[in-house]
């Protein structure tokens, strides 16, 4: 089968499609014929080697964490799911490999009818990340949350998840994305120098939590929150120096924050209610993997980048 991988750290050009043996479902797993698979900005940091101390790559390194498709193999012990079901979910973090014609999922939920394949393919990872961080921040009704990088793949979903919890959401983005953020339920604000002064009149009673999806602004984000304890980042590798928690999902609590498996059912329910949309920035075939990496590194993709498998 075709799968995206890289065999050395480097620029986007090191990413390529290879013919590899198809995986098979083990106990408690399912295999899907992939229809779409989400691309995460973290993939660019892994590929470049910037995360080699956190996510060391064993070459060849297969990319992709979340995917949607049609079940074609059910492992021992799996109940309630059968061949032919349409699902979305994620792979084992140690295996990855979702950017491929077939992928083995360890967590999944039924694909909402309201979502296209591209939306479903881009949903699991962003919903998990958004739910994991909002849970850690304790976001609930009546809170005010700032999402930094609110127009990106994780940011757009985090805005909607926070709003669904009854929170008031302020989102940073360029002016060109402000109308888009309003459509998602956020109060937009321009990022950059002077951010705390611009946020203050939007949240006269203060900001309860800050979710940083973009990086590069921790001093200002701490000033907005009033303390590093109310800031969580998924993107800024200088977090520890600022006393800020950097969240990365892990099956083991000792190695990171536990994966928010309940995010799948939550996302599906909100989608069925018309309260969760997965904005798609662009779609690419597997063979254009390098172009997907290049777009992600511009940091101007509005929504999720997704591979569509034909």
Protein backbone atom coordinates (compact mmCIF):
# COMPACT_ATOMS: atom_id res chain seq x y z
CA UNK A 1 0.00 0.00 0.00
CA UNK A 2 1.00 3.66 -0.35
CA UNK A 3 2.09 5.47 2.82
CA UNK A 4 3.81 8.75 3.64
CA UNK A 5 7.14 8.55 5.43
CA UNK A 6 10.60 10.07 5.77
CA UNK A 7 13.94 8.40 6.35
CA UNK A 8 15.96 11.37 7.60
CA UNK A 9 15.39 14.71 9.28
CA UNK A 10 15.27 17.67 6.95
CA UNK A 11 13.11 20.05 4.88
CA UNK A 12 9.70 19.12 3.41
CA UNK A 13 11.40 17.46 0.43
CA UNK A 14 12.46 14.49 2.63
CA UNK A 15 8.82 13.40 2.92
CA UNK A 16 7.71 10.93 0.26
CA UNK A 17 5.27 8.14 -0.55
CA UNK A 18 6.56 4.58 -0.30
CA UNK A 19 5.08 1.15 -0.95
CA UNK A 20 4.89 -0.64 2.39
CA UNK A 21 3.17 -3.79 3.71
CA UNK A 22 -0.38 -3.08 4.93
CA UNK A 23 -0.96 -3.18 8.70
CA UNK A 24 -3.42 -5.54 10.37
CA UNK A 25 -5.73 -5.08 13.32
CA UNK A 26 -4.59 -6.59 16.60
CA UNK A 27 -6.62 -7.17 19.78
CA UNK A 28 -8.91 -4.23 20.51
CA UNK A 29 -8.07 -2.55 17.19
CA UNK A 30 -9.72 -2.01 13.82
CA UNK A 31 -8.29 -1.39 10.38
CA UNK A 32 -9.81 1.12 7.99
CA UNK A 33 -9.52 1.82 4.30
CA UNK A 34 -8.55 5.46 4.74
CA UNK A 35 -10.65 8.10 3.02
CA UNK A 36 -9.01 11.13 4.65
CA UNK A 37 -6.31 11.81 7.23
CA UNK A 38 -5.50 14.99 9.12
CA UNK A 39 -2.16 16.76 9.02
CA UNK A 40 -0.78 18.30 12.21
CA UNK A 41 1.71 21.13 12.53
CA UNK A 42 3.56 18.84 14.92
CA UNK A 43 4.45 16.68 11.92
CA UNK A 44 6.66 19.50 10.60
CA UNK A 45 8.49 19.76 13.92
CA UNK A 46 9.06 16.00 14.03
CA UNK A 47 10.26 15.93 10.42
CA UNK A 48 12.66 18.83 10.90
CA UNK A 49 14.19 17.25 14.01
CA UNK A 50 13.10 20.05 16.35
CA UNK A 51 11.21 17.52 18.50
CA UNK A 52 13.81 14.77 18.40
CA UNK A 53 14.25 14.94 22.20
CA UNK A 54 10.48 14.57 22.74
CA UNK A 55 9.48 12.39 19.78
CA UNK A 56 12.61 10.62 18.54
CA UNK A 57 12.08 9.22 15.05
CA UNK A 58 12.90 5.61 14.26
CA UNK A 59 13.47 5.60 10.51
CA UNK A 60 11.60 5.10 8.31
CA UNK A 61 9.13 7.30 10.21
CA UNK A 62 5.52 6.90 9.11
CA UNK A 63 3.43 10.05 9.51
CA UNK A 64 -0.18 10.72 10.50
CA UNK A 65 -2.11 10.26 13.75
CA UNK A 66 -5.81 10.65 12.89
CA UNK A 67 -7.91 9.37 10.04
CA UNK A 68 -11.41 8.52 8.84
CA UNK A 69 -12.50 5.67 6.63
CA UNK A 70 -14.39 2.44 6.20
CA UNK A 71 -13.71 -0.49 8.53
CA UNK A 72 -12.33 -3.49 6.64
CA UNK A 73 -10.77 -5.55 9.45
CA UNK A 74 -11.84 -6.01 13.08
CA UNK A 75 -9.40 -7.28 15.67
CA UNK A 76 -10.09 -9.79 18.46
CA UNK A 77 -12.17 -8.45 21.32
CA UNK A 78 -13.77 -5.59 19.37
CA UNK A 79 -17.55 -5.35 19.72
CA UNK A 80 -20.06 -2.88 18.33
CA UNK A 81 -18.04 -2.23 15.17
CA UNK A 82 -18.17 -4.22 11.95
CA UNK A 83 -16.69 -4.22 8.47
CA UNK A 84 -18.34 -1.53 6.36
CA UNK A 85 -18.83 0.95 9.24
CA UNK A 86 -17.74 4.53 8.62
CA UNK A 87 -15.58 5.79 11.49
CA UNK A 88 -13.02 8.41 12.54
CA UNK A 89 -10.32 8.07 15.15
CA UNK A 90 -6.61 7.76 15.78
CA UNK A 91 -3.72 5.34 15.60
CA UNK A 92 -1.39 4.23 18.37
CA UNK A 93 1.08 7.03 19.00
CA UNK A 94 3.99 4.63 18.70
CA UNK A 95 2.79 3.36 15.32
CA UNK A 96 1.20 6.43 13.69
CA UNK A 97 0.99 5.77 9.93
CA UNK A 98 -2.44 7.32 9.29
CA UNK A 99 -1.24 9.02 6.08
CA UNK A 100 -1.72 5.84 4.10
CA UNK A 101 -4.24 3.75 2.20
CA UNK A 102 -4.92 1.64 5.31
CA UNK A 103 -4.50 2.49 8.97
CA UNK A 104 -5.06 0.67 12.25
CA UNK A 105 -7.07 2.64 14.80
CA UNK A 106 -6.93 2.13 18.57
CA UNK A 107 -9.72 4.63 19.35
CA UNK A 108 -12.65 5.55 17.14
CA UNK A 109 -16.27 6.67 16.88
CA UNK A 110 -18.93 6.58 14.19
CA UNK A 111 -18.47 9.24 11.51
CA UNK A 112 -21.17 11.92 11.86
CA UNK A 113 -23.36 12.14 8.78
CA UNK A 114 -22.97 15.92 8.81
CA UNK A 115 -19.23 15.71 8.13
CA UNK A 116 -17.55 15.16 4.79
CA UNK A 117 -14.72 12.65 4.68
CA UNK A 118 -12.22 15.52 4.78
CA UNK A 119 -13.83 16.95 7.92
CA UNK A 120 -13.95 13.54 9.60
CA UNK A 121 -10.34 12.88 8.64
CA UNK A 122 -9.26 16.11 10.29
CA UNK A 123 -11.44 15.83 13.39
CA UNK A 124 -10.02 13.27 15.80
CA UNK A 125 -6.63 14.85 16.49
CA UNK A 126 -7.94 18.39 16.85
CA UNK A 127 -10.87 17.32 19.01
CA UNK A 128 -8.58 15.29 21.26
CA UNK A 129 -6.06 18.11 21.63
CA UNK A 130 -8.71 20.74 22.24
CA UNK A 131 -10.55 18.62 24.80
CA UNK A 132 -7.35 17.56 26.58
CA UNK A 133 -6.16 21.14 27.05
CA UNK A 134 -9.56 22.58 27.98
CA UNK A 135 -9.95 19.77 30.54
CA UNK A 136 -6.55 20.59 32.04
CA UNK A 137 -7.46 24.27 32.22
CA UNK A 138 -10.80 23.39 33.83
CA UNK A 139 -12.79 25.46 31.36
CA UNK A 140 -16.51 25.53 32.06
CA UNK A 141 -19.63 27.72 31.99
CA UNK A 142 -19.05 31.40 32.70
CA UNK A 143 -15.29 31.28 32.10
CA UNK A 144 -13.44 33.52 29.66
CA UNK A 145 -10.82 31.77 27.53
CA UNK A 146 -8.22 33.20 25.19
CA UNK A 147 -7.23 30.92 22.29
CA UNK A 148 -3.97 32.07 20.74
CA UNK A 149 -3.80 31.04 17.09
CA UNK A 150 -7.56 30.62 16.90
CA UNK A 151 -7.77 30.38 13.10
CA UNK A 152 -5.47 27.34 12.83
CA UNK A 153 -6.37 23.66 12.73
CA UNK A 154 -6.51 23.14 16.51
CA UNK A 155 -7.57 26.70 17.28
CA UNK A 156 -10.75 26.60 15.19
CA UNK A 157 -11.90 23.45 16.97
CA UNK A 158 -10.81 24.67 20.42
CA UNK A 159 -12.91 27.81 19.96
CA UNK A 160 -16.02 25.73 19.25
CA UNK A 161 -15.36 23.24 22.06
CA UNK A 162 -14.87 26.04 24.59
CA UNK A 163 -18.04 27.79 23.42
CA UNK A 164 -19.96 24.52 23.71
CA UNK A 165 -18.86 24.40 27.37
CA UNK A 166 -20.50 27.75 27.96
CA UNK A 167 -17.30 29.81 27.97
CA UNK A 168 -16.75 33.21 26.41
CA UNK A 169 -13.98 32.79 23.85
CA UNK A 170 -11.50 35.42 22.65
CA UNK A 171 -9.37 34.36 19.71
CA UNK A 172 -6.17 35.86 18.32
CA UNK A 173 -5.78 36.02 14.55
CA UNK A 174 -4.85 38.36 11.74
CA UNK A 175 -7.55 40.89 10.78
CA UNK A 176 -8.33 38.90 7.62
CA UNK A 177 -9.58 36.06 9.82
CA UNK A 178 -11.70 38.07 12.24
CA UNK A 179 -15.04 37.56 10.45
CA UNK A 180 -14.23 33.85 10.24
CA UNK A 181 -13.61 33.68 14.01
CA UNK A 182 -16.88 35.45 14.72
CA UNK A 183 -18.65 32.78 12.67
CA UNK A 184 -17.16 30.15 15.01
CA UNK A 185 -18.32 31.98 18.13
CA UNK A 186 -15.15 33.83 19.15
CA UNK A 187 -14.44 37.49 19.84
CA UNK A 188 -11.46 38.23 17.58
CA UNK A 189 -8.39 40.22 18.56
CA UNK A 190 -5.16 40.94 16.67
CA UNK A 191 -2.09 39.07 17.93
CA UNK A 192 1.31 40.68 18.41
CA UNK A 193 2.84 43.40 20.54
CA UNK A 194 0.37 45.03 22.92
CA UNK A 195 -1.94 42.02 23.12
CA UNK A 196 -2.69 42.36 26.88
CA UNK A 197 -3.85 45.95 26.33
CA UNK A 198 -6.17 44.88 23.52
CA UNK A 199 -7.62 41.96 25.51
CA UNK A 200 -8.34 43.99 28.65
CA UNK A 201 -11.42 45.84 27.36
CA UNK A 202 -12.75 42.58 25.87
CA UNK A 203 -12.51 40.82 29.25
CA UNK A 204 -12.92 43.49 31.95
CA UNK A 205 -13.27 40.78 34.63
CA UNK A 206 -10.12 39.03 33.48
CA UNK A 207 -9.27 35.90 31.52
CA UNK A 208 -9.60 32.55 33.30
CA UNK A 209 -7.52 30.44 30.93
CA UNK A 210 -5.23 30.74 27.91
CA UNK A 211 -4.80 28.01 25.30
CA UNK A 212 -1.73 28.63 23.14
CA UNK A 213 -1.85 26.78 19.83
CA UNK A 214 0.68 28.95 18.00
CA UNK A 215 3.69 29.65 20.24
CA UNK A 216 5.98 32.68 20.32
CA UNK A 217 3.99 34.86 22.71
CA UNK A 218 4.20 33.33 26.18
CA UNK A 219 5.17 36.49 28.10
CA UNK A 220 2.11 38.31 26.74
CA UNK A 221 -0.13 35.29 27.27
CA UNK A 222 1.02 35.02 30.90
CA UNK A 223 0.26 38.73 31.33
CA UNK A 224 -3.24 38.14 29.94
CA UNK A 225 -3.87 35.20 32.29
CA UNK A 226 -2.17 36.78 35.30
CA UNK A 227 -0.16 33.64 36.08
CA UNK A 228 1.67 30.89 34.13
CA UNK A 229 -0.55 28.33 35.89
CA UNK A 230 -3.51 29.39 33.76
CA UNK A 231 -1.67 29.01 30.44
CA UNK A 232 -1.21 25.75 28.52
CA UNK A 233 0.69 25.57 25.23
CA UNK A 234 0.90 22.85 22.59
CA UNK A 235 3.35 24.76 20.41
CA UNK A 236 5.98 26.68 22.38
CA UNK A 237 9.13 24.71 23.20
CA UNK A 238 10.25 27.45 25.64
CA UNK A 239 7.30 26.68 27.92
CA UNK A 240 9.32 25.30 30.85
CA UNK A 241 11.48 28.44 31.00
CA UNK A 242 8.29 30.47 31.53
CA UNK A 243 6.72 28.09 34.04
CA UNK A 244 4.04 27.13 31.51
CA UNK A 245 2.79 23.58 30.98
CA UNK A 246 3.34 22.17 27.48
CA UNK A 247 0.70 19.56 26.75
CA UNK A 248 1.28 16.59 24.50
CA UNK A 249 -1.00 13.58 24.57
CA UNK A 250 0.31 10.23 25.72
CA UNK A 251 -1.16 6.83 26.55
CA UNK A 252 0.88 7.06 29.76
CA UNK A 253 0.31 9.90 32.23
CA UNK A 254 3.98 9.64 33.19
CA UNK A 255 5.02 10.64 29.66
CA UNK A 256 2.53 13.44 29.05
CA UNK A 257 -1.11 14.35 29.52
CA UNK A 258 -3.46 11.37 29.14
CA UNK A 259 -5.19 11.23 25.78
CA UNK A 260 -8.74 12.58 25.94
CA UNK A 261 -10.41 9.49 24.47
CA UNK A 262 -13.83 10.86 25.43
CA UNK A 263 -13.26 13.65 22.89
CA UNK A 264 -14.37 11.36 20.05
CA UNK A 265 -17.89 10.79 21.36
CA UNK A 266 -18.12 14.44 22.40
CA UNK A 267 -17.09 15.68 18.96
CA UNK A 268 -19.51 13.32 17.20
CA UNK A 269 -22.39 14.46 19.40
CA UNK A 270 -21.64 18.14 18.82
CA UNK A 271 -21.35 17.51 15.07
CA UNK A 272 -24.75 15.80 15.01
CA UNK A 273 -26.18 18.88 16.77
CA UNK A 274 -24.57 21.18 14.19
CA UNK A 275 -22.32 22.70 16.86
CA UNK A 276 -18.90 21.47 15.69
CA UNK A 277 -17.50 22.06 12.22
CA UNK A 278 -13.99 21.16 11.07
CA UNK A 279 -12.75 24.00 8.84
CA UNK A 280 -10.55 22.66 6.05
CA UNK A 281 -7.65 24.83 4.89
CA UNK A 282 -6.62 22.58 2.00
CA UNK A 283 -6.65 18.97 0.85
CA UNK A 284 -3.78 17.07 -0.76
CA UNK A 285 -3.25 13.61 -2.22
CA UNK A 286 -0.65 11.48 -0.44
CA UNK A 287 1.85 12.14 -3.24
CA UNK A 288 1.77 15.88 -2.39
CA UNK A 289 2.89 15.35 1.21
CA UNK A 290 5.82 17.76 0.84
CA UNK A 291 3.43 20.50 -0.31
CA UNK A 292 1.27 19.92 2.78
CA UNK A 293 4.35 20.38 4.98
CA UNK A 294 5.25 23.57 3.11
CA UNK A 295 1.75 25.03 3.57
CA UNK A 296 1.77 24.20 7.27
CA UNK A 297 5.12 25.93 7.75
CA UNK A 298 3.72 29.19 6.33
CA UNK A 299 1.57 29.32 9.51
CA UNK A 300 -1.23 30.84 7.43
CA UNK A 301 -3.45 27.79 6.91
CA UNK A 302 -6.98 28.61 8.08
CA UNK A 303 -8.28 25.36 9.54
CA UNK A 304 -7.01 21.82 9.07
CA UNK A 305 -4.81 20.47 6.30
CA UNK A 306 -6.05 17.04 5.20
CA UNK A 307 -4.84 14.23 2.97
CA UNK A 308 -7.59 12.72 0.83
CA UNK A 309 -6.97 9.14 -0.27
CA UNK A 310 -8.44 7.96 -3.55
